[in-house]
């Protein structure tokens, strides 16, 4: 139980750090521009979508602000990069754009 509380505390601290460093842009009044959020590099959980009950199918997902979102960007990742792997974390840089985390860099860390 203590390990779970420690893990949860560390996760909450990491998410708070992400929120503090994120910079959001506001869409234009006419609504033509998509909303984007840019973040400095942070360590975040990554999973295959098939391991996530709320997703239920393969794909690369990263946890942003407490929710898993699809990873976009051209990083050379396979469609099921983290399939059948668990407990992975990555240092990632990028921005939220149209509901996806468009990564400019992503490195799995221990």
Protein backbone atom coordinates (compact mmCIF):
# COMPACT_ATOMS: atom_id res chain seq x y z
CA UNK A 1 0.00 0.00 0.00
CA UNK A 2 2.86 2.40 0.81
CA UNK A 3 4.39 1.82 -2.62
CA UNK A 4 1.07 2.67 -4.27
CA UNK A 5 0.82 5.92 -2.31
CA UNK A 6 4.40 6.81 -3.17
CA UNK A 7 3.78 6.08 -6.84
CA UNK A 8 0.54 8.08 -6.82
CA UNK A 9 2.27 11.01 -5.09
CA UNK A 10 5.09 10.97 -7.64
CA UNK A 11 2.58 10.85 -10.51
CA UNK A 12 0.59 13.77 -9.10
CA UNK A 13 3.78 15.78 -8.66
CA UNK A 14 4.81 15.04 -12.25
CA UNK A 15 1.40 16.06 -13.58
CA UNK A 16 1.49 19.26 -11.55
CA UNK A 17 4.90 20.03 -13.05
CA UNK A 18 3.53 19.48 -16.55
CA UNK A 19 0.65 21.85 -15.86
CA UNK A 20 3.03 24.51 -14.52
CA UNK A 21 5.31 24.42 -17.55
CA UNK A 22 2.67 24.06 -20.26
CA UNK A 23 1.90 27.11 -22.34
CA UNK A 24 -1.48 27.20 -24.07
CA UNK A 25 -2.46 29.27 -27.05
CA UNK A 26 -5.97 30.61 -27.35
CA UNK A 27 -7.82 29.96 -30.61
CA UNK A 28 -8.72 32.93 -32.78
CA UNK A 29 -12.14 34.50 -32.24
CA UNK A 30 -13.35 33.04 -35.54
CA UNK A 31 -12.42 29.54 -34.31
CA UNK A 32 -10.27 28.71 -37.36
CA UNK A 33 -7.07 27.97 -35.41
CA UNK A 34 -6.85 24.69 -33.47
CA UNK A 35 -5.91 24.89 -29.81
CA UNK A 36 -2.32 23.87 -29.10
CA UNK A 37 -0.34 23.38 -25.91
CA UNK A 38 3.45 23.30 -25.85
CA UNK A 39 5.36 21.58 -23.05
CA UNK A 40 9.01 21.30 -22.06
CA UNK A 41 10.45 17.77 -21.79
CA UNK A 42 8.92 15.77 -18.95
CA UNK A 43 8.81 12.11 -18.01
CA UNK A 44 5.37 10.68 -18.72
CA UNK A 45 3.78 7.22 -18.85
CA UNK A 46 3.41 5.63 -22.28
CA UNK A 47 1.25 2.61 -23.15
CA UNK A 48 -0.16 0.70 -26.07
CA UNK A 49 -3.84 1.54 -26.42
CA UNK A 50 -4.81 -2.15 -26.17
CA UNK A 51 -3.66 -2.12 -22.51
CA UNK A 52 -5.89 0.87 -21.72
CA UNK A 53 -9.53 0.12 -20.94
CA UNK A 54 -10.66 3.53 -22.20
CA UNK A 55 -8.91 3.01 -25.58
CA UNK A 56 -9.15 -0.74 -26.23
CA UNK A 57 -7.12 -0.95 -29.46
CA UNK A 58 -3.43 -0.83 -30.38
CA UNK A 59 -1.68 2.46 -30.88
CA UNK A 60 0.89 4.63 -29.12
CA UNK A 61 -0.48 6.68 -26.21
CA UNK A 62 1.07 9.05 -23.69
CA UNK A 63 -0.39 10.33 -20.44
CA UNK A 64 -0.97 14.08 -20.50
CA UNK A 65 -2.79 15.86 -17.67
CA UNK A 66 -4.05 12.56 -16.27
CA UNK A 67 -5.50 11.20 -19.52
CA UNK A 68 -3.96 9.11 -22.27
CA UNK A 69 -3.83 10.69 -25.72
CA UNK A 70 -2.53 9.37 -29.00
CA UNK A 71 1.08 10.16 -29.92
CA UNK A 72 1.47 11.92 -33.26
CA UNK A 73 4.52 13.27 -35.03
CA UNK A 74 7.08 11.60 -37.25
CA UNK A 75 9.43 9.88 -34.78
CA UNK A 76 9.70 6.55 -36.56
CA UNK A 77 7.54 4.74 -33.98
CA UNK A 78 5.78 1.60 -35.10
CA UNK A 79 1.97 1.50 -34.68
CA UNK A 80 2.33 -0.85 -31.70
CA UNK A 81 5.64 0.41 -30.31
CA UNK A 82 4.77 -0.48 -26.70
CA UNK A 83 2.39 -3.42 -27.25
CA UNK A 84 2.66 -6.14 -24.56
CA UNK A 85 4.97 -3.92 -22.47
CA UNK A 86 3.96 -2.24 -19.24
CA UNK A 87 5.34 0.30 -16.83
CA UNK A 88 7.11 2.30 -19.54
CA UNK A 89 7.95 5.97 -19.14
CA UNK A 90 9.29 8.40 -21.70
CA UNK A 91 10.86 11.80 -21.69
CA UNK A 92 8.82 13.64 -24.26
CA UNK A 93 8.68 17.05 -25.86
CA UNK A 94 5.92 18.26 -28.10
CA UNK A 95 2.54 19.91 -28.15
CA UNK A 96 -1.10 19.01 -27.97
CA UNK A 97 -2.74 19.66 -31.31
CA UNK A 98 -6.22 18.60 -32.33
CA UNK A 99 -6.46 16.03 -29.51
CA UNK A 100 -3.09 14.35 -30.17
CA UNK A 101 0.31 14.81 -28.54
CA UNK A 102 2.48 15.78 -31.53
CA UNK A 103 5.91 14.75 -30.30
CA UNK A 104 9.10 16.45 -31.42
CA UNK A 105 11.18 14.02 -29.32
CA UNK A 106 10.37 10.95 -27.25
CA UNK A 107 12.87 8.74 -25.44
CA UNK A 108 12.02 5.76 -23.24
CA UNK A 109 13.66 6.16 -19.81
CA UNK A 110 14.22 3.67 -16.98
